[in-house]
Amino acid sequence: MRQAAILDGGLDGHAQSDHHAHHASDQPAARSDAELLARARRGDQIAWDTIVDRYGGLVWAITRAHGLSPDDAADVSQVTWLLLVQHLASMQEPERLGVWLLRIASREASRMRRLRGYEVPEHQQPRDPCRPSSKVL
């Protein structure tokens, strides 16, 4: 299942007609994030798929690094992509798409942790400066 399958008819809700089909020579994977975002704003499904292919692993890794279960990580990933769709037109620094996705996925993963009552892993808990470390230097 493609995580961004919300775009059955294109980002603007209209299916692309055959005269808008892309040729193999377009090589969307080689395009810049700014160009892909501009194309995605116009409903270009191939541009959107390229963005998801380019950053899907990053979004997933961030959600899992926050210790979320696979189901919660999938939910947070979906929210991250939905937020990108909602902010396509207002993204002011499209060349920083990766950073934007990282921040959104991290924020949403933290929100999910709080919502679900996840415990903070031992290695992420603040260390009590009065308690001696178990490590020997």
N, C-alpha and C. Protein backbone atom coordinates (compact mmCIF):
# COMPACT_ATOMS: atom_id res chain seq x y z
N MET A 1 0.85 -1.19 0.00
CA MET A 1 0.00 0.00 0.00
C MET A 1 0.88 1.24 0.00
N ARG A 2 0.66 2.11 -0.94
CA ARG A 2 1.42 3.35 -1.01
C ARG A 2 0.88 4.30 0.03
N GLN A 3 1.79 4.85 0.85
CA GLN A 3 1.35 5.70 1.94
C GLN A 3 0.64 6.95 1.45
N ALA A 4 0.91 7.37 0.25
CA ALA A 4 0.30 8.60 -0.25
C ALA A 4 -0.81 8.32 -1.23
N ALA A 5 -1.50 7.22 -1.06
CA ALA A 5 -2.55 6.85 -1.99
C ALA A 5 -3.78 7.74 -1.88
N ILE A 6 -3.69 8.79 -1.07
CA ILE A 6 -4.79 9.74 -0.95
C ILE A 6 -4.99 10.52 -2.23
N LEU A 7 -4.13 10.28 -3.18
CA LEU A 7 -4.13 11.10 -4.38
C LEU A 7 -4.68 10.37 -5.59
N ASP A 8 -5.70 9.55 -5.41
CA ASP A 8 -6.23 8.77 -6.51
C ASP A 8 -6.51 9.61 -7.74
N GLY A 9 -7.00 10.80 -7.55
CA GLY A 9 -7.34 11.64 -8.68
C GLY A 9 -6.41 12.83 -8.80
N GLY A 10 -5.24 12.77 -8.26
CA GLY A 10 -4.33 13.92 -8.29
C GLY A 10 -4.54 14.74 -7.03
N LEU A 11 -3.61 15.61 -6.73
CA LEU A 11 -3.67 16.40 -5.51
C LEU A 11 -4.86 17.34 -5.50
N ASP A 12 -5.28 17.79 -6.65
CA ASP A 12 -6.39 18.74 -6.68
C ASP A 12 -7.73 18.04 -6.85
N GLY A 13 -7.72 16.70 -6.80
CA GLY A 13 -8.96 15.95 -6.90
C GLY A 13 -9.36 15.64 -8.32
N HIS A 14 -8.58 16.04 -9.30
CA HIS A 14 -8.89 15.77 -10.70
C HIS A 14 -7.90 14.77 -11.25
N ALA A 15 -8.44 13.77 -11.93
CA ALA A 15 -7.56 12.78 -12.55
C ALA A 15 -6.80 13.44 -13.69
N GLN A 16 -5.56 13.01 -13.86
CA GLN A 16 -4.78 13.56 -14.96
C GLN A 16 -5.23 12.91 -16.26
N SER A 17 -5.35 13.67 -17.29
CA SER A 17 -5.73 13.13 -18.58
C SER A 17 -4.51 12.57 -19.28
N ASP A 18 -4.74 11.78 -20.32
CA ASP A 18 -3.64 11.14 -21.04
C ASP A 18 -2.67 12.14 -21.64
N HIS A 19 -3.14 13.34 -22.01
CA HIS A 19 -2.23 14.29 -22.63
C HIS A 19 -1.25 14.89 -21.62
N HIS A 20 -1.44 14.62 -20.31
CA HIS A 20 -0.51 15.06 -19.30
C HIS A 20 0.44 13.95 -18.86
N ALA A 21 0.37 12.81 -19.54
CA ALA A 21 1.22 11.69 -19.15
C ALA A 21 2.68 12.08 -19.30
N HIS A 22 3.51 11.54 -18.44
CA HIS A 22 4.94 11.84 -18.44
C HIS A 22 5.68 10.81 -19.28
N HIS A 23 6.75 11.24 -19.88
CA HIS A 23 7.60 10.35 -20.66
C HIS A 23 8.75 9.89 -19.78
N ALA A 24 9.32 8.75 -20.10
CA ALA A 24 10.42 8.21 -19.30
C ALA A 24 11.59 9.18 -19.26
N SER A 25 11.71 10.03 -20.26
CA SER A 25 12.84 10.97 -20.30
C SER A 25 12.73 12.06 -19.25
N ASP A 26 11.57 12.20 -18.60
CA ASP A 26 11.40 13.23 -17.56
C ASP A 26 12.26 12.96 -16.34
N GLN A 27 12.56 11.70 -16.04
CA GLN A 27 13.37 11.31 -14.91
C GLN A 27 13.02 12.10 -13.65
N PRO A 28 11.84 11.89 -13.09
CA PRO A 28 11.41 12.68 -11.94
C PRO A 28 12.32 12.52 -10.72
N ALA A 29 12.98 11.37 -10.59
CA ALA A 29 13.85 11.16 -9.42
C ALA A 29 15.03 12.13 -9.41
N ALA A 30 15.39 12.66 -10.58
CA ALA A 30 16.53 13.58 -10.66
C ALA A 30 16.11 15.03 -10.42
N ARG A 31 14.83 15.29 -10.29
CA ARG A 31 14.34 16.66 -10.10
C ARG A 31 14.60 17.14 -8.68
N SER A 32 14.71 18.45 -8.53
CA SER A 32 14.90 19.03 -7.21
C SER A 32 13.59 18.95 -6.43
N ASP A 33 13.72 19.06 -5.10
CA ASP A 33 12.51 19.07 -4.26
C ASP A 33 11.60 20.22 -4.64
N ALA A 34 12.18 21.38 -4.91
CA ALA A 34 11.38 22.55 -5.27
C ALA A 34 10.56 22.28 -6.53
N GLU A 35 11.17 21.67 -7.53
CA GLU A 35 10.45 21.38 -8.76
C GLU A 35 9.39 20.30 -8.54
N LEU A 36 9.72 19.28 -7.76
CA LEU A 36 8.74 18.24 -7.46
C LEU A 36 7.55 18.81 -6.72
N LEU A 37 7.80 19.68 -5.75
CA LEU A 37 6.70 20.30 -5.01
C LEU A 37 5.83 21.16 -5.92
N ALA A 38 6.46 21.91 -6.81
CA ALA A 38 5.69 22.74 -7.75
C ALA A 38 4.80 21.86 -8.63
N ARG A 39 5.35 20.76 -9.11
CA ARG A 39 4.57 19.84 -9.93
C ARG A 39 3.46 19.18 -9.12
N ALA A 40 3.78 18.80 -7.89
CA ALA A 40 2.77 18.17 -7.03
C ALA A 40 1.62 19.12 -6.76
N ARG A 41 1.92 20.41 -6.60
CA ARG A 41 0.86 21.42 -6.40
C ARG A 41 -0.11 21.44 -7.57
N ARG A 42 0.40 21.15 -8.76
CA ARG A 42 -0.44 21.15 -9.96
C ARG A 42 -1.13 19.80 -10.18
N GLY A 43 -0.97 18.87 -9.23
CA GLY A 43 -1.65 17.59 -9.34
C GLY A 43 -0.86 16.50 -10.04
N ASP A 44 0.43 16.67 -10.18
CA ASP A 44 1.28 15.69 -10.86
C ASP A 44 1.53 14.50 -9.93
N GLN A 45 0.86 13.39 -10.21
CA GLN A 45 0.96 12.19 -9.38
C GLN A 45 2.37 11.62 -9.38
N ILE A 46 3.06 11.67 -10.50
CA ILE A 46 4.43 11.14 -10.57
C ILE A 46 5.35 11.95 -9.67
N ALA A 47 5.18 13.27 -9.65
CA ALA A 47 5.99 14.11 -8.76
C ALA A 47 5.71 13.74 -7.31
N TRP A 48 4.43 13.58 -6.97
CA TRP A 48 4.07 13.21 -5.59
C TRP A 48 4.70 11.86 -5.23
N ASP A 49 4.56 10.88 -6.12
CA ASP A 49 5.13 9.55 -5.86
C ASP A 49 6.64 9.63 -5.66
N THR A 50 7.29 10.49 -6.43
CA THR A 50 8.74 10.66 -6.30
C THR A 50 9.10 11.24 -4.94
N ILE A 51 8.33 12.21 -4.48
CA ILE A 51 8.55 12.79 -3.14
C ILE A 51 8.40 11.70 -2.08
N VAL A 52 7.34 10.91 -2.18
CA VAL A 52 7.10 9.85 -1.20
C VAL A 52 8.22 8.80 -1.26
N ASP A 53 8.64 8.45 -2.46
CA ASP A 53 9.74 7.49 -2.60
C ASP A 53 11.04 8.04 -2.01
N ARG A 54 11.27 9.32 -2.23
CA ARG A 54 12.50 9.96 -1.77
C ARG A 54 12.54 10.07 -0.24
N TYR A 55 11.43 10.41 0.38
CA TYR A 55 11.42 10.71 1.81
C TYR A 55 10.62 9.73 2.68
N GLY A 56 9.98 8.75 2.06
CA GLY A 56 9.19 7.80 2.84
C GLY A 56 10.00 7.05 3.88
N GLY A 57 11.21 6.63 3.51
CA GLY A 57 12.07 5.93 4.46
C GLY A 57 12.46 6.80 5.64
N LEU A 58 12.73 8.07 5.36
CA LEU A 58 13.09 9.02 6.42
C LEU A 58 11.93 9.19 7.40
N VAL A 59 10.74 9.43 6.86
CA VAL A 59 9.56 9.63 7.71
C VAL A 59 9.33 8.38 8.57
N TRP A 60 9.42 7.21 7.95
CA TRP A 60 9.20 5.97 8.70
C TRP A 60 10.27 5.80 9.78
N ALA A 61 11.52 6.04 9.44
CA ALA A 61 12.62 5.87 10.40
C ALA A 61 12.45 6.80 11.60
N ILE A 62 12.00 8.01 11.36
CA ILE A 62 11.79 8.96 12.46
C ILE A 62 10.70 8.46 13.39
N THR A 63 9.61 8.00 12.82
CA THR A 63 8.51 7.53 13.66
C THR A 63 8.94 6.33 14.49
N ARG A 64 9.69 5.43 13.90
CA ARG A 64 10.14 4.24 14.63
C ARG A 64 11.23 4.60 15.64
N ALA A 65 12.07 5.59 15.32
CA ALA A 65 13.10 6.03 16.27
C ALA A 65 12.48 6.61 17.53
N HIS A 66 11.27 7.09 17.43
CA HIS A 66 10.56 7.60 18.60
C HIS A 66 9.94 6.47 19.42
N GLY A 67 10.18 5.24 18.99
CA GLY A 67 9.70 4.09 19.75
C GLY A 67 8.25 3.74 19.53
N LEU A 68 7.67 4.22 18.45
CA LEU A 68 6.26 3.93 18.18
C LEU A 68 6.11 2.50 17.66
N SER A 69 4.97 1.92 17.94
CA SER A 69 4.65 0.61 17.38
C SER A 69 4.50 0.77 15.87
N PRO A 70 4.58 -0.32 15.12
CA PRO A 70 4.38 -0.20 13.67
C PRO A 70 3.04 0.45 13.29
N ASP A 71 1.97 0.12 14.01
CA ASP A 71 0.67 0.72 13.69
C ASP A 71 0.67 2.23 13.97
N ASP A 72 1.22 2.62 15.12
CA ASP A 72 1.27 4.05 15.44
C ASP A 72 2.22 4.78 14.50
N ALA A 73 3.32 4.13 14.13
CA ALA A 73 4.26 4.74 13.18
C ALA A 73 3.58 4.96 11.82
N ALA A 74 2.76 4.00 11.40
CA ALA A 74 2.03 4.14 10.14
C ALA A 74 1.05 5.30 10.22
N ASP A 75 0.36 5.43 11.36
CA ASP A 75 -0.58 6.55 11.54
C ASP A 75 0.15 7.89 11.48
N VAL A 76 1.28 7.98 12.16
CA VAL A 76 2.04 9.23 12.17
C VAL A 76 2.58 9.53 10.77
N SER A 77 3.01 8.51 10.06
CA SER A 77 3.47 8.71 8.68
C SER A 77 2.35 9.28 7.82
N GLN A 78 1.15 8.72 7.95
CA GLN A 78 0.01 9.22 7.18
C GLN A 78 -0.29 10.67 7.52
N VAL A 79 -0.26 11.01 8.80
CA VAL A 79 -0.51 12.39 9.21
C VAL A 79 0.55 13.32 8.62
N THR A 80 1.80 12.87 8.63
CA THR A 80 2.90 13.68 8.07
C THR A 80 2.64 13.97 6.60
N TRP A 81 2.27 12.96 5.82
CA TRP A 81 2.00 13.17 4.39
C TRP A 81 0.76 14.03 4.18
N LEU A 82 -0.25 13.84 4.99
CA LEU A 82 -1.46 14.67 4.88
C LEU A 82 -1.12 16.13 5.16
N LEU A 83 -0.30 16.37 6.17
CA LEU A 83 0.11 17.75 6.47
C LEU A 83 0.90 18.36 5.32
N LEU A 84 1.70 17.54 4.65
CA LEU A 84 2.42 18.06 3.49
C LEU A 84 1.43 18.47 2.39
N VAL A 85 0.43 17.63 2.13
CA VAL A 85 -0.58 17.98 1.12
C VAL A 85 -1.25 19.29 1.49
N GLN A 86 -1.59 19.44 2.77
CA GLN A 86 -2.28 20.65 3.23
C GLN A 86 -1.39 21.89 3.13
N HIS A 87 -0.08 21.72 3.19
CA HIS A 87 0.84 22.87 3.19
C HIS A 87 1.60 23.04 1.87
N LEU A 88 1.24 22.28 0.85
CA LEU A 88 1.95 22.39 -0.42
C LEU A 88 1.99 23.83 -0.93
N ALA A 89 0.86 24.50 -0.91
CA ALA A 89 0.78 25.84 -1.47
C ALA A 89 1.50 26.89 -0.62
N SER A 90 1.67 26.62 0.66
CA SER A 90 2.26 27.63 1.54
C SER A 90 3.71 27.36 1.91
N MET A 91 4.29 26.28 1.38
CA MET A 91 5.67 25.95 1.73
C MET A 91 6.60 27.04 1.17
N GLN A 92 7.29 27.72 2.08
CA GLN A 92 8.10 28.87 1.68
C GLN A 92 9.53 28.50 1.29
N GLU A 93 10.04 27.39 1.78
CA GLU A 93 11.39 26.97 1.43
C GLU A 93 11.35 25.53 0.90
N PRO A 94 10.88 25.36 -0.33
CA PRO A 94 10.70 24.00 -0.84
C PRO A 94 12.00 23.20 -0.92
N GLU A 95 13.12 23.88 -0.99
CA GLU A 95 14.40 23.17 -1.04
C GLU A 95 14.74 22.53 0.31
N ARG A 96 13.98 22.88 1.35
CA ARG A 96 14.18 22.32 2.69
C ARG A 96 13.09 21.30 3.05
N LEU A 97 12.55 20.66 2.03
CA LEU A 97 11.48 19.69 2.23
C LEU A 97 11.88 18.59 3.22
N GLY A 98 13.07 18.04 3.07
CA GLY A 98 13.51 16.97 3.97
C GLY A 98 13.51 17.40 5.43
N VAL A 99 13.99 18.61 5.69
CA VAL A 99 14.01 19.14 7.05
C VAL A 99 12.58 19.34 7.55
N TRP A 100 11.72 19.86 6.69
CA TRP A 100 10.32 20.08 7.07
C TRP A 100 9.67 18.75 7.44
N LEU A 101 9.86 17.72 6.61
CA LEU A 101 9.27 16.42 6.90
C LEU A 101 9.83 15.83 8.19
N LEU A 102 11.13 15.99 8.40
CA LEU A 102 11.76 15.50 9.63
C LEU A 102 11.12 16.14 10.85
N ARG A 103 10.96 17.45 10.81
CA ARG A 103 10.36 18.16 11.95
C ARG A 103 8.91 17.76 12.18
N ILE A 104 8.14 17.67 11.12
CA ILE A 104 6.73 17.31 11.25
C ILE A 104 6.59 15.88 11.77
N ALA A 105 7.34 14.95 11.19
CA ALA A 105 7.25 13.55 11.63
C ALA A 105 7.68 13.42 13.09
N SER A 106 8.71 14.14 13.48
CA SER A 106 9.18 14.08 14.86
C SER A 106 8.15 14.68 15.82
N ARG A 107 7.60 15.82 15.44
CA ARG A 107 6.58 16.46 16.28
C ARG A 107 5.35 15.57 16.43
N GLU A 108 4.90 14.99 15.32
CA GLU A 108 3.72 14.14 15.36
C GLU A 108 3.99 12.83 16.11
N ALA A 109 5.20 12.31 16.01
CA ALA A 109 5.56 11.10 16.76
C ALA A 109 5.57 11.40 18.25
N SER A 110 6.09 12.55 18.63
CA SER A 110 6.09 12.95 20.05
C SER A 110 4.66 13.11 20.55
N ARG A 111 3.83 13.70 19.71
CA ARG A 111 2.42 13.87 20.07
C ARG A 111 1.74 12.51 20.28
N MET A 112 2.04 11.58 19.39
CA MET A 112 1.46 10.23 19.49
C MET A 112 1.94 9.55 20.77
N ARG A 113 3.21 9.71 21.10
CA ARG A 113 3.74 9.11 22.33
C ARG A 113 2.98 9.62 23.55
N ARG A 114 2.76 10.94 23.59
CA ARG A 114 2.01 11.52 24.72
C ARG A 114 0.57 11.01 24.73
N LEU A 115 -0.06 11.00 23.57
CA LEU A 115 -1.45 10.57 23.45
C LEU A 115 -1.64 9.12 23.90
N ARG A 116 -0.71 8.27 23.51
CA ARG A 116 -0.82 6.84 23.81
C ARG A 116 -0.19 6.46 25.16
N GLY A 117 0.48 7.42 25.80
CA GLY A 117 1.08 7.14 27.10
C GLY A 117 2.30 6.25 27.05
N TYR A 118 3.08 6.35 25.98
CA TYR A 118 4.31 5.57 25.88
C TYR A 118 5.24 5.93 27.03
N GLU A 119 5.96 4.96 27.51
CA GLU A 119 6.98 5.20 28.53
C GLU A 119 8.22 5.76 27.85
N VAL A 120 8.95 6.60 28.59
CA VAL A 120 10.20 7.14 28.06
C VAL A 120 11.27 6.07 28.26
N PRO A 121 11.97 5.66 27.18
CA PRO A 121 13.01 4.65 27.32
C PRO A 121 14.10 5.12 28.30
N GLU A 122 14.70 4.17 28.98
CA GLU A 122 15.73 4.45 29.99
C GLU A 122 16.82 5.38 29.45
N HIS A 123 17.29 5.11 28.23
CA HIS A 123 18.40 5.91 27.69
C HIS A 123 17.98 7.34 27.32
N GLN A 124 16.67 7.63 27.30
CA GLN A 124 16.22 8.98 26.98
C GLN A 124 15.74 9.75 28.21
N GLN A 125 15.72 9.09 29.35
CA GLN A 125 15.28 9.77 30.57
C GLN A 125 16.39 10.69 31.04
N PRO A 126 16.00 11.85 31.58
CA PRO A 126 17.03 12.75 32.09
C PRO A 126 17.78 12.07 33.24
N ARG A 127 19.08 12.24 33.26
CA ARG A 127 19.92 11.62 34.29
C ARG A 127 19.88 12.47 35.55
N ASP A 128 19.72 11.81 36.66
CA ASP A 128 19.74 12.48 37.96
C ASP A 128 21.19 12.77 38.31
N PRO A 129 21.58 14.05 38.40
CA PRO A 129 22.99 14.36 38.66
C PRO A 129 23.45 13.91 40.05
N CYS A 130 22.53 13.62 40.95
CA CYS A 130 22.90 13.17 42.29
C CYS A 130 23.10 11.66 42.35
N ARG A 131 22.63 10.98 41.33
CA ARG A 131 22.76 9.52 41.29
C ARG A 131 24.02 9.16 40.52
N PRO A 132 24.92 8.37 41.12
CA PRO A 132 26.15 8.01 40.43
C PRO A 132 25.86 7.17 39.20
N SER A 133 26.64 7.38 38.18
CA SER A 133 26.51 6.63 36.96
C SER A 133 27.00 5.20 37.17
N SER A 134 26.38 4.27 36.48
CA SER A 134 26.83 2.87 36.60
C SER A 134 28.01 2.60 35.69
N LYS A 135 28.34 3.54 34.85
CA LYS A 135 29.47 3.36 33.93
C LYS A 135 30.77 3.62 34.66
N VAL A 136 31.75 2.82 34.34
CA VAL A 136 33.09 3.01 34.90
C VAL A 136 33.92 3.71 33.83
N LEU A 137 34.53 4.80 34.20
CA LEU A 137 35.34 5.56 33.24
C LEU A 137 36.73 5.07 33.16
